[in-house]
């Protein structure tokens, strides 16, 4: 936890890599994703995060330094709100850079050929049917950094992702929601 000006601005759980310890299967490692800090990414997701990190390190840091220099020129720093805002923006930028570096350090790039479609895993597309209203929808299970509900890409660490992970066709997934437990039948798994 990091505090800045009496506000909590960042909370990150400790991350440990379990791959250096006892041998794990791919599926077991996926289930331990949240605890281990391993970030499963597609090649495109890894490249997007790498590009964002490089942009923040080069252009973002130079813009932050320029904003601080401009605010410093305006006079007394003790009563300079623009200087305080520029320093706070720099701190937030450094936090984001640190977060991206951790994500990339713990990243494991998955190829489509590695996906086992006999059960729901990271990168698989799963078609589910809600038992309550018979609505059918298809989601792709991805890492947190690649999730996008509009594109029907849900995080492996979301309640839906956790409920679906490891299920086979025909099995029922139970998902805890604020309105109670929902039941979904896995109808199809594909790449």
N, C-alpha and C. Protein backbone atom coordinates (compact mmCIF):
# COMPACT_ATOMS: atom_id res chain seq x y z
N UNK A 1 0.85 -1.17 0.00
CA UNK A 1 0.00 0.00 0.00
C UNK A 1 0.89 1.23 0.00
N UNK A 2 0.56 2.20 -0.82
CA UNK A 2 1.31 3.43 -0.91
C UNK A 2 0.39 4.58 -0.55
N UNK A 3 0.86 5.42 0.35
CA UNK A 3 0.06 6.56 0.77
C UNK A 3 0.73 7.82 0.25
N UNK A 4 -0.09 8.77 -0.19
CA UNK A 4 0.40 10.04 -0.70
C UNK A 4 -0.56 11.11 -0.23
N UNK A 5 -0.04 12.06 0.53
CA UNK A 5 -0.87 13.15 1.07
C UNK A 5 -2.09 12.60 1.80
N UNK A 6 -1.85 11.66 2.72
CA UNK A 6 -2.89 11.05 3.56
C UNK A 6 -3.99 10.34 2.77
N UNK A 7 -3.71 9.92 1.55
CA UNK A 7 -4.67 9.16 0.77
C UNK A 7 -4.00 7.89 0.29
N UNK A 8 -4.72 6.80 0.31
CA UNK A 8 -4.21 5.57 -0.28
C UNK A 8 -4.42 5.68 -1.78
N UNK A 9 -3.31 5.64 -2.53
CA UNK A 9 -3.44 5.80 -3.97
C UNK A 9 -3.08 4.53 -4.73
N UNK A 10 -2.54 3.52 -4.04
CA UNK A 10 -2.19 2.31 -4.74
C UNK A 10 -2.13 1.16 -3.78
N UNK A 11 -2.82 0.08 -4.09
CA UNK A 11 -2.74 -1.14 -3.31
C UNK A 11 -2.45 -2.28 -4.27
N UNK A 12 -1.36 -2.97 -4.05
CA UNK A 12 -0.97 -4.08 -4.90
C UNK A 12 -0.62 -5.26 -4.02
N UNK A 13 -1.23 -6.42 -4.24
CA UNK A 13 -0.85 -7.59 -3.45
C UNK A 13 0.54 -8.05 -3.85
N UNK A 14 1.20 -8.73 -2.94
CA UNK A 14 2.51 -9.31 -3.25
C UNK A 14 2.34 -10.35 -4.35
N UNK A 15 3.32 -10.44 -5.21
CA UNK A 15 3.25 -11.39 -6.31
C UNK A 15 4.44 -12.34 -6.22
N UNK A 16 4.18 -13.63 -6.34
CA UNK A 16 5.23 -14.63 -6.32
C UNK A 16 5.05 -15.55 -7.50
N UNK A 17 6.12 -15.99 -8.07
CA UNK A 17 6.07 -16.90 -9.20
C UNK A 17 6.20 -18.33 -8.71
N UNK A 18 5.21 -19.15 -8.92
CA UNK A 18 5.22 -20.54 -8.48
C UNK A 18 5.92 -21.46 -9.46
N UNK A 19 6.25 -20.98 -10.68
CA UNK A 19 6.86 -21.85 -11.66
C UNK A 19 8.27 -22.28 -11.27
N UNK A 20 8.96 -21.51 -10.42
CA UNK A 20 10.31 -21.88 -10.03
C UNK A 20 10.31 -22.94 -8.94
N UNK A 21 9.14 -23.26 -8.40
CA UNK A 21 9.06 -24.27 -7.35
C UNK A 21 8.68 -25.62 -7.96
N UNK A 22 7.85 -26.38 -7.31
CA UNK A 22 7.47 -27.70 -7.79
C UNK A 22 6.82 -27.61 -9.17
N UNK A 23 6.97 -28.66 -9.98
CA UNK A 23 6.36 -28.61 -11.32
C UNK A 23 4.84 -28.50 -11.23
N UNK A 24 4.29 -27.62 -12.02
CA UNK A 24 2.85 -27.40 -12.08
C UNK A 24 2.37 -27.72 -13.47
N UNK A 25 1.16 -28.19 -13.58
CA UNK A 25 0.56 -28.35 -14.89
C UNK A 25 0.05 -26.97 -15.34
N UNK A 26 -0.19 -26.84 -16.63
CA UNK A 26 -0.67 -25.58 -17.18
C UNK A 26 -2.00 -25.19 -16.54
N UNK A 27 -2.91 -26.15 -16.38
CA UNK A 27 -4.23 -25.87 -15.82
C UNK A 27 -4.13 -25.46 -14.35
N UNK A 28 -3.26 -26.14 -13.59
CA UNK A 28 -3.10 -25.81 -12.18
C UNK A 28 -2.51 -24.41 -12.03
N UNK A 29 -1.58 -24.08 -12.89
CA UNK A 29 -0.99 -22.74 -12.86
C UNK A 29 -2.04 -21.68 -13.17
N UNK A 30 -2.97 -21.98 -14.10
CA UNK A 30 -4.00 -21.02 -14.43
C UNK A 30 -4.93 -20.78 -13.24
N UNK A 31 -5.26 -21.85 -12.50
CA UNK A 31 -6.13 -21.68 -11.34
C UNK A 31 -5.46 -20.88 -10.25
N UNK A 32 -4.14 -20.92 -10.17
CA UNK A 32 -3.39 -20.16 -9.17
C UNK A 32 -2.99 -18.78 -9.68
N UNK A 33 -3.53 -18.38 -10.80
CA UNK A 33 -3.17 -17.12 -11.45
C UNK A 33 -3.27 -15.93 -10.51
N UNK A 34 -4.34 -15.80 -9.78
CA UNK A 34 -4.55 -14.64 -8.93
C UNK A 34 -3.54 -14.61 -7.80
N UNK A 35 -3.29 -15.75 -7.17
CA UNK A 35 -2.37 -15.78 -6.05
C UNK A 35 -0.92 -15.67 -6.50
N UNK A 36 -0.58 -16.23 -7.62
CA UNK A 36 0.82 -16.28 -8.03
C UNK A 36 1.27 -15.00 -8.70
N UNK A 37 0.36 -14.20 -9.20
CA UNK A 37 0.75 -12.98 -9.87
C UNK A 37 1.13 -13.18 -11.31
N UNK A 38 0.99 -14.39 -11.84
CA UNK A 38 1.34 -14.64 -13.23
C UNK A 38 0.26 -14.02 -14.10
N UNK A 39 0.71 -13.31 -15.11
CA UNK A 39 -0.19 -12.58 -15.99
C UNK A 39 -0.14 -13.22 -17.37
N UNK A 40 -1.16 -14.02 -17.72
CA UNK A 40 -1.21 -14.67 -19.02
C UNK A 40 -1.70 -13.68 -20.06
N UNK A 41 -0.92 -13.50 -21.13
CA UNK A 41 -1.24 -12.54 -22.16
C UNK A 41 -1.15 -13.17 -23.54
N UNK A 42 -1.91 -12.59 -24.46
CA UNK A 42 -1.71 -12.94 -25.87
C UNK A 42 -0.50 -12.16 -26.36
N UNK A 43 0.01 -12.52 -27.51
CA UNK A 43 1.16 -11.80 -28.09
C UNK A 43 0.79 -10.32 -28.29
N UNK A 44 -0.44 -10.06 -28.78
CA UNK A 44 -0.87 -8.68 -29.01
C UNK A 44 -0.97 -7.90 -27.70
N UNK A 45 -1.50 -8.55 -26.67
CA UNK A 45 -1.61 -7.89 -25.37
C UNK A 45 -0.26 -7.56 -24.79
N UNK A 46 0.70 -8.46 -24.93
CA UNK A 46 2.05 -8.22 -24.44
C UNK A 46 2.68 -7.04 -25.17
N UNK A 47 2.53 -7.01 -26.49
CA UNK A 47 3.09 -5.91 -27.28
C UNK A 47 2.43 -4.58 -26.94
N UNK A 48 1.11 -4.61 -26.71
CA UNK A 48 0.40 -3.37 -26.35
C UNK A 48 0.91 -2.82 -25.03
N UNK A 49 1.08 -3.69 -24.03
CA UNK A 49 1.60 -3.24 -22.73
C UNK A 49 3.04 -2.76 -22.85
N UNK A 50 3.86 -3.44 -23.64
CA UNK A 50 5.25 -3.02 -23.84
C UNK A 50 5.33 -1.65 -24.49
N UNK A 51 4.50 -1.43 -25.50
CA UNK A 51 4.48 -0.13 -26.17
C UNK A 51 4.00 0.97 -25.23
N UNK A 52 2.98 0.67 -24.42
CA UNK A 52 2.48 1.66 -23.46
C UNK A 52 3.56 2.02 -22.45
N UNK A 53 4.31 1.00 -21.98
CA UNK A 53 5.38 1.24 -21.02
C UNK A 53 6.47 2.11 -21.63
N UNK A 54 6.90 1.80 -22.83
CA UNK A 54 7.94 2.60 -23.49
C UNK A 54 7.48 4.04 -23.71
N UNK A 55 6.22 4.22 -24.09
CA UNK A 55 5.68 5.56 -24.30
C UNK A 55 5.68 6.36 -22.98
N UNK A 56 5.27 5.70 -21.90
CA UNK A 56 5.24 6.39 -20.61
C UNK A 56 6.66 6.73 -20.13
N UNK A 57 7.60 5.83 -20.36
CA UNK A 57 8.97 6.09 -19.91
C UNK A 57 9.62 7.21 -20.70
N UNK A 58 9.35 7.29 -21.98
CA UNK A 58 9.99 8.32 -22.79
C UNK A 58 9.17 9.61 -22.81
N UNK A 59 8.04 9.57 -23.49
CA UNK A 59 7.23 10.78 -23.65
C UNK A 59 6.57 11.22 -22.35
N UNK A 60 6.03 10.28 -21.59
CA UNK A 60 5.33 10.62 -20.35
C UNK A 60 6.22 11.27 -19.32
N UNK A 61 7.41 10.69 -19.11
CA UNK A 61 8.34 11.28 -18.13
C UNK A 61 8.82 12.65 -18.56
N UNK A 62 9.10 12.84 -19.85
CA UNK A 62 9.57 14.15 -20.31
C UNK A 62 8.47 15.20 -20.16
N UNK A 63 7.22 14.82 -20.44
CA UNK A 63 6.11 15.77 -20.27
C UNK A 63 5.90 16.12 -18.79
N UNK A 64 6.05 15.14 -17.92
CA UNK A 64 5.91 15.40 -16.48
C UNK A 64 7.02 16.32 -16.00
N UNK A 65 8.25 16.09 -16.46
CA UNK A 65 9.37 16.95 -16.06
C UNK A 65 9.17 18.37 -16.58
N UNK A 66 8.66 18.50 -17.81
CA UNK A 66 8.40 19.82 -18.37
C UNK A 66 7.32 20.56 -17.58
N UNK A 67 6.25 19.84 -17.18
CA UNK A 67 5.18 20.47 -16.41
C UNK A 67 5.69 20.92 -15.04
N UNK A 68 6.55 20.14 -14.42
CA UNK A 68 7.13 20.53 -13.13
C UNK A 68 8.02 21.76 -13.29
N UNK A 69 8.82 21.78 -14.36
CA UNK A 69 9.71 22.93 -14.61
C UNK A 69 8.90 24.20 -14.85
N UNK A 70 7.82 24.10 -15.61
CA UNK A 70 6.97 25.27 -15.87
C UNK A 70 6.33 25.77 -14.58
N UNK A 71 5.88 24.85 -13.74
CA UNK A 71 5.24 25.25 -12.48
C UNK A 71 6.27 25.85 -11.53
N UNK A 72 7.50 25.36 -11.56
CA UNK A 72 8.56 25.88 -10.70
C UNK A 72 8.88 27.33 -11.03
N UNK A 73 8.78 27.68 -12.31
CA UNK A 73 9.08 29.03 -12.76
C UNK A 73 8.05 30.05 -12.29
N UNK A 74 6.90 29.59 -11.82
CA UNK A 74 5.82 30.50 -11.44
C UNK A 74 5.97 31.08 -10.05
N UNK A 75 7.03 30.71 -9.35
CA UNK A 75 7.26 31.35 -8.06
C UNK A 75 7.31 30.41 -6.89
N UNK A 76 6.86 30.92 -5.74
CA UNK A 76 6.95 30.24 -4.45
C UNK A 76 6.31 28.84 -4.52
N UNK A 77 7.12 27.83 -4.22
CA UNK A 77 6.64 26.45 -4.31
C UNK A 77 5.69 26.08 -3.18
N UNK A 78 5.79 26.76 -2.05
CA UNK A 78 4.94 26.41 -0.91
C UNK A 78 3.47 26.72 -1.16
N UNK A 79 3.18 27.68 -2.04
CA UNK A 79 1.79 28.05 -2.32
C UNK A 79 1.46 27.86 -3.81
N UNK A 80 2.16 26.96 -4.46
CA UNK A 80 1.99 26.77 -5.89
C UNK A 80 1.19 25.49 -6.14
N UNK A 81 -0.11 25.65 -6.36
CA UNK A 81 -0.98 24.49 -6.59
C UNK A 81 -0.64 23.78 -7.89
N UNK A 82 -0.18 24.54 -8.88
CA UNK A 82 0.18 23.93 -10.16
C UNK A 82 1.40 23.00 -9.99
N UNK A 83 2.35 23.40 -9.15
CA UNK A 83 3.53 22.56 -8.86
C UNK A 83 3.10 21.29 -8.14
N UNK A 84 2.22 21.43 -7.14
CA UNK A 84 1.73 20.25 -6.41
C UNK A 84 1.01 19.29 -7.35
N UNK A 85 0.20 19.83 -8.25
CA UNK A 85 -0.54 18.98 -9.19
C UNK A 85 0.42 18.28 -10.15
N UNK A 86 1.45 18.99 -10.61
CA UNK A 86 2.43 18.38 -11.52
C UNK A 86 3.22 17.28 -10.81
N UNK A 87 3.59 17.50 -9.56
CA UNK A 87 4.31 16.47 -8.79
C UNK A 87 3.42 15.26 -8.55
N UNK A 88 2.15 15.49 -8.25
CA UNK A 88 1.22 14.39 -8.03
C UNK A 88 1.01 13.60 -9.33
N UNK A 89 0.90 14.31 -10.46
CA UNK A 89 0.76 13.64 -11.76
C UNK A 89 2.01 12.81 -12.07
N UNK A 90 3.18 13.32 -11.70
CA UNK A 90 4.41 12.57 -11.91
C UNK A 90 4.42 11.30 -11.05
N UNK A 91 3.95 11.42 -9.82
CA UNK A 91 3.87 10.25 -8.94
C UNK A 91 2.92 9.20 -9.48
N UNK A 92 1.78 9.62 -10.00
CA UNK A 92 0.82 8.68 -10.59
C UNK A 92 1.40 8.02 -11.84
N UNK A 93 2.15 8.79 -12.64
CA UNK A 93 2.80 8.23 -13.82
C UNK A 93 3.81 7.16 -13.42
N UNK A 94 4.61 7.44 -12.39
CA UNK A 94 5.60 6.47 -11.92
C UNK A 94 4.93 5.22 -11.35
N UNK A 95 3.79 5.39 -10.70
CA UNK A 95 3.05 4.23 -10.21
C UNK A 95 2.57 3.36 -11.36
N UNK A 96 2.06 3.98 -12.41
CA UNK A 96 1.58 3.23 -13.58
C UNK A 96 2.75 2.53 -14.27
N UNK A 97 3.89 3.20 -14.38
CA UNK A 97 5.08 2.57 -14.96
C UNK A 97 5.50 1.37 -14.14
N UNK A 98 5.50 1.52 -12.82
CA UNK A 98 5.87 0.42 -11.93
C UNK A 98 4.89 -0.75 -12.10
N UNK A 99 3.60 -0.46 -12.19
CA UNK A 99 2.59 -1.51 -12.37
C UNK A 99 2.79 -2.24 -13.69
N UNK A 100 3.04 -1.50 -14.77
CA UNK A 100 3.27 -2.13 -16.07
C UNK A 100 4.53 -2.99 -16.06
N UNK A 101 5.58 -2.51 -15.39
CA UNK A 101 6.81 -3.30 -15.30
C UNK A 101 6.56 -4.61 -14.56
N UNK A 102 5.77 -4.56 -13.48
CA UNK A 102 5.44 -5.79 -12.75
C UNK A 102 4.61 -6.74 -13.60
N UNK A 103 3.63 -6.19 -14.33
CA UNK A 103 2.80 -7.03 -15.19
C UNK A 103 3.64 -7.72 -16.25
N UNK A 104 4.55 -6.98 -16.87
CA UNK A 104 5.39 -7.55 -17.91
C UNK A 104 6.41 -8.52 -17.35
N UNK A 105 6.92 -8.25 -16.15
CA UNK A 105 7.87 -9.16 -15.53
C UNK A 105 7.22 -10.51 -15.20
N UNK A 106 5.94 -10.49 -14.86
CA UNK A 106 5.22 -11.71 -14.51
C UNK A 106 4.41 -12.27 -15.69
N UNK A 107 4.63 -11.73 -16.88
CA UNK A 107 3.83 -12.13 -18.03
C UNK A 107 4.30 -13.47 -18.60
N UNK A 108 3.34 -14.24 -19.02
CA UNK A 108 3.57 -15.48 -19.77
C UNK A 108 2.74 -15.35 -21.04
N UNK A 109 3.43 -15.31 -22.18
CA UNK A 109 2.73 -15.16 -23.45
C UNK A 109 2.21 -16.53 -23.88
N UNK A 110 0.91 -16.58 -24.14
CA UNK A 110 0.28 -17.82 -24.57
C UNK A 110 0.01 -17.78 -26.06
N UNK A 111 0.27 -18.86 -26.70
CA UNK A 111 -0.03 -19.01 -28.12
C UNK A 111 -1.34 -19.78 -28.24
N UNK A 112 -2.07 -19.54 -29.30
CA UNK A 112 -3.34 -20.21 -29.53
C UNK A 112 -3.13 -21.73 -29.58
N UNK A 113 -1.98 -22.17 -30.10
CA UNK A 113 -1.71 -23.60 -30.19
C UNK A 113 -1.58 -24.26 -28.82
N UNK A 114 -1.32 -23.47 -27.77
CA UNK A 114 -1.20 -24.01 -26.41
C UNK A 114 -2.54 -24.21 -25.71
N UNK A 115 -3.62 -23.71 -26.30
CA UNK A 115 -4.92 -23.73 -25.65
C UNK A 115 -5.55 -25.13 -25.75
N UNK A 116 -5.95 -25.66 -24.62
CA UNK A 116 -6.63 -26.96 -24.54
C UNK A 116 -8.13 -26.69 -24.58
N UNK A 117 -8.80 -27.16 -25.64
CA UNK A 117 -10.23 -26.87 -25.77
C UNK A 117 -11.11 -27.97 -25.17
N UNK A 118 -10.51 -28.91 -24.45
CA UNK A 118 -11.33 -29.93 -23.78
C UNK A 118 -11.98 -29.35 -22.52
N UNK A 119 -11.44 -28.24 -22.03
CA UNK A 119 -12.02 -27.55 -20.88
C UNK A 119 -11.72 -26.06 -20.99
N UNK A 120 -12.39 -25.26 -20.20
CA UNK A 120 -12.23 -23.81 -20.24
C UNK A 120 -10.88 -23.43 -19.64
N UNK A 121 -10.06 -22.74 -20.43
CA UNK A 121 -8.76 -22.24 -19.99
C UNK A 121 -8.61 -20.80 -20.45
N UNK A 122 -7.50 -20.19 -20.09
CA UNK A 122 -7.21 -18.83 -20.56
C UNK A 122 -7.09 -18.87 -22.08
N UNK A 123 -7.65 -17.92 -22.75
CA UNK A 123 -7.71 -17.72 -24.20
C UNK A 123 -8.80 -18.54 -24.90
N UNK A 124 -9.47 -19.42 -24.18
CA UNK A 124 -10.53 -20.18 -24.85
C UNK A 124 -11.81 -19.34 -24.92
N UNK A 125 -12.60 -19.61 -25.97
CA UNK A 125 -13.91 -18.98 -26.11
C UNK A 125 -14.93 -19.99 -25.63
N UNK A 126 -15.79 -19.56 -24.74
CA UNK A 126 -16.76 -20.47 -24.15
C UNK A 126 -18.17 -19.92 -24.37
N UNK A 127 -19.04 -20.78 -24.87
CA UNK A 127 -20.45 -20.43 -25.04
C UNK A 127 -21.21 -21.03 -23.87
N UNK A 128 -21.94 -20.17 -23.15
CA UNK A 128 -22.66 -20.59 -21.96
C UNK A 128 -24.13 -20.23 -22.08
N UNK A 129 -24.95 -20.99 -21.36
CA UNK A 129 -26.39 -20.72 -21.33
C UNK A 129 -26.80 -20.52 -19.88
N UNK A 130 -27.46 -19.40 -19.61
CA UNK A 130 -27.98 -19.09 -18.29
C UNK A 130 -29.16 -20.01 -18.03
N UNK A 131 -29.10 -20.79 -16.95
CA UNK A 131 -30.19 -21.73 -16.66
C UNK A 131 -31.47 -21.03 -16.25
N UNK A 132 -31.37 -19.81 -15.74
CA UNK A 132 -32.56 -19.10 -15.27
C UNK A 132 -33.40 -18.56 -16.43
N UNK A 133 -32.75 -17.99 -17.46
CA UNK A 133 -33.52 -17.38 -18.54
C UNK A 133 -33.19 -17.94 -19.92
N UNK A 134 -32.37 -18.99 -19.98
CA UNK A 134 -31.98 -19.64 -21.23
C UNK A 134 -31.27 -18.74 -22.22
N UNK A 135 -30.70 -17.62 -21.76
CA UNK A 135 -29.93 -16.74 -22.62
C UNK A 135 -28.56 -17.37 -22.89
N UNK A 136 -28.13 -17.29 -24.14
CA UNK A 136 -26.84 -17.86 -24.54
C UNK A 136 -25.90 -16.73 -24.94
N UNK A 137 -24.64 -16.83 -24.48
CA UNK A 137 -23.64 -15.82 -24.81
C UNK A 137 -22.27 -16.49 -24.88
N UNK A 138 -21.39 -15.91 -25.69
CA UNK A 138 -20.03 -16.43 -25.84
C UNK A 138 -19.05 -15.40 -25.30
N UNK A 139 -18.13 -15.85 -24.44
CA UNK A 139 -17.08 -15.02 -23.88
C UNK A 139 -15.73 -15.63 -24.18
N UNK A 140 -14.71 -14.79 -24.24
CA UNK A 140 -13.34 -15.28 -24.28
C UNK A 140 -12.71 -14.99 -22.93
N UNK A 141 -12.04 -15.98 -22.35
CA UNK A 141 -11.39 -15.82 -21.05
C UNK A 141 -9.99 -15.29 -21.30
N UNK A 142 -9.67 -14.14 -20.73
CA UNK A 142 -8.37 -13.49 -20.92
C UNK A 142 -7.83 -13.00 -19.58
N UNK A 143 -6.64 -12.41 -19.60
CA UNK A 143 -6.07 -11.86 -18.38
C UNK A 143 -6.77 -10.55 -18.02
N UNK A 144 -6.51 -10.06 -16.82
CA UNK A 144 -7.15 -8.82 -16.36
C UNK A 144 -6.84 -7.64 -17.26
N UNK A 145 -5.59 -7.54 -17.71
CA UNK A 145 -5.19 -6.38 -18.50
C UNK A 145 -5.79 -6.39 -19.91
N UNK A 146 -6.27 -7.54 -20.37
CA UNK A 146 -6.86 -7.63 -21.71
C UNK A 146 -8.38 -7.70 -21.69
N UNK A 147 -8.98 -7.69 -20.51
CA UNK A 147 -10.44 -7.83 -20.44
C UNK A 147 -11.15 -6.60 -21.00
N UNK A 148 -12.27 -6.86 -21.67
CA UNK A 148 -13.08 -5.81 -22.27
C UNK A 148 -14.49 -6.38 -22.45
N UNK A 149 -15.39 -6.00 -21.57
CA UNK A 149 -16.73 -6.59 -21.58
C UNK A 149 -17.48 -6.31 -22.88
N UNK A 150 -17.26 -5.13 -23.47
CA UNK A 150 -17.93 -4.81 -24.73
C UNK A 150 -17.50 -5.76 -25.85
N UNK A 151 -16.24 -6.19 -25.80
CA UNK A 151 -15.71 -7.12 -26.80
C UNK A 151 -15.93 -8.57 -26.37
N UNK A 152 -16.65 -8.76 -25.26
CA UNK A 152 -16.95 -10.09 -24.69
C UNK A 152 -15.68 -10.85 -24.32
N UNK A 153 -14.73 -10.12 -23.75
CA UNK A 153 -13.50 -10.70 -23.23
C UNK A 153 -13.50 -10.47 -21.72
N UNK A 154 -13.66 -11.55 -20.95
CA UNK A 154 -13.75 -11.41 -19.49
C UNK A 154 -12.47 -11.92 -18.83
N UNK A 155 -12.18 -11.33 -17.70
CA UNK A 155 -10.97 -11.65 -16.95
C UNK A 155 -11.07 -13.02 -16.30
N UNK A 156 -9.94 -13.72 -16.29
CA UNK A 156 -9.87 -15.02 -15.64
C UNK A 156 -10.06 -14.89 -14.13
N UNK A 157 -9.79 -13.70 -13.58
CA UNK A 157 -9.93 -13.50 -12.13
C UNK A 157 -11.28 -12.90 -11.75
N UNK A 158 -12.16 -12.66 -12.73
CA UNK A 158 -13.51 -12.16 -12.42
C UNK A 158 -14.34 -13.32 -11.87
N UNK A 159 -15.44 -13.02 -11.19
CA UNK A 159 -16.30 -14.11 -10.69
C UNK A 159 -16.74 -15.06 -11.81
N UNK A 160 -17.09 -14.52 -12.97
CA UNK A 160 -17.50 -15.36 -14.10
C UNK A 160 -16.32 -16.21 -14.58
N UNK A 161 -15.15 -15.59 -14.72
CA UNK A 161 -13.97 -16.31 -15.16
C UNK A 161 -13.58 -17.43 -14.20
N UNK A 162 -13.62 -17.13 -12.91
CA UNK A 162 -13.29 -18.14 -11.90
C UNK A 162 -14.29 -19.30 -11.93
N UNK A 163 -15.55 -18.97 -12.13
CA UNK A 163 -16.58 -20.00 -12.15
C UNK A 163 -16.47 -20.90 -13.37
N UNK A 164 -16.03 -20.35 -14.50
CA UNK A 164 -15.94 -21.12 -15.74
C UNK A 164 -14.63 -21.89 -15.88
N UNK A 165 -13.57 -21.42 -15.28
CA UNK A 165 -12.24 -22.01 -15.46
C UNK A 165 -12.23 -23.49 -15.08
N UNK A 166 -11.78 -24.32 -16.00
CA UNK A 166 -11.67 -25.75 -15.75
C UNK A 166 -12.92 -26.56 -16.08
N UNK A 167 -14.02 -25.90 -16.42
CA UNK A 167 -15.26 -26.62 -16.74
C UNK A 167 -15.19 -27.22 -18.14
N UNK A 168 -15.90 -28.35 -18.31
CA UNK A 168 -15.97 -29.02 -19.60
C UNK A 168 -17.37 -28.84 -20.18
N UNK A 169 -17.52 -29.17 -21.46
CA UNK A 169 -18.82 -29.05 -22.12
C UNK A 169 -19.85 -29.89 -21.37
N UNK A 170 -21.00 -29.28 -21.10
CA UNK A 170 -22.08 -29.96 -20.38
C UNK A 170 -22.06 -29.73 -18.88
N UNK A 171 -20.96 -29.27 -18.34
CA UNK A 171 -20.88 -29.02 -16.89
C UNK A 171 -21.55 -27.70 -16.54
N UNK A 172 -21.96 -27.59 -15.29
CA UNK A 172 -22.61 -26.38 -14.79
C UNK A 172 -21.60 -25.55 -14.01
N UNK A 173 -21.53 -24.28 -14.34
CA UNK A 173 -20.66 -23.34 -13.62
C UNK A 173 -21.53 -22.51 -12.69
N UNK A 174 -21.12 -22.42 -11.44
CA UNK A 174 -21.83 -21.61 -10.45
C UNK A 174 -21.05 -20.33 -10.24
N UNK A 175 -21.70 -19.19 -10.44
CA UNK A 175 -21.05 -17.90 -10.35
C UNK A 175 -21.72 -17.08 -9.25
N UNK A 176 -20.93 -16.64 -8.27
CA UNK A 176 -21.44 -15.79 -7.19
C UNK A 176 -21.55 -14.36 -7.67
N UNK A 177 -22.73 -13.78 -7.51
CA UNK A 177 -22.96 -12.38 -7.86
C UNK A 177 -23.59 -11.69 -6.66
N UNK A 178 -23.64 -10.36 -6.66
CA UNK A 178 -24.30 -9.66 -5.56
C UNK A 178 -25.77 -10.05 -5.39
N UNK A 179 -26.42 -10.49 -6.47
CA UNK A 179 -27.82 -10.89 -6.41
C UNK A 179 -28.01 -12.38 -6.14
N UNK A 180 -26.93 -13.07 -5.82
CA UNK A 180 -27.03 -14.49 -5.54
C UNK A 180 -26.21 -15.31 -6.52
N UNK A 181 -26.35 -16.61 -6.41
CA UNK A 181 -25.59 -17.54 -7.24
C UNK A 181 -26.32 -17.80 -8.55
N UNK A 182 -25.61 -17.64 -9.67
CA UNK A 182 -26.16 -17.92 -10.99
C UNK A 182 -25.58 -19.22 -11.51
N UNK A 183 -26.36 -19.93 -12.31
CA UNK A 183 -25.92 -21.19 -12.88
C UNK A 183 -25.86 -21.07 -14.40
N UNK A 184 -24.73 -21.50 -14.95
CA UNK A 184 -24.53 -21.47 -16.40
C UNK A 184 -24.10 -22.85 -16.87
N UNK A 185 -24.64 -23.28 -17.98
CA UNK A 185 -24.25 -24.56 -18.57
C UNK A 185 -23.25 -24.25 -19.70
N UNK A 186 -22.12 -24.94 -19.69
CA UNK A 186 -21.11 -24.76 -20.74
C UNK A 186 -21.58 -25.54 -21.96
N UNK A 187 -21.86 -24.81 -23.06
CA UNK A 187 -22.37 -25.45 -24.28
C UNK A 187 -21.29 -25.73 -25.31
N UNK A 188 -20.27 -24.87 -25.38
CA UNK A 188 -19.23 -25.06 -26.38
C UNK A 188 -17.94 -24.38 -25.92
N UNK A 189 -16.81 -24.97 -26.30
CA UNK A 189 -15.48 -24.39 -26.02
C UNK A 189 -14.72 -24.40 -27.33
N UNK A 190 -14.17 -23.26 -27.69
CA UNK A 190 -13.40 -23.16 -28.94
C UNK A 190 -12.23 -22.22 -28.75
N UNK A 191 -11.48 -22.03 -29.82
CA UNK A 191 -10.33 -21.12 -29.77
C UNK A 191 -10.73 -19.78 -30.35
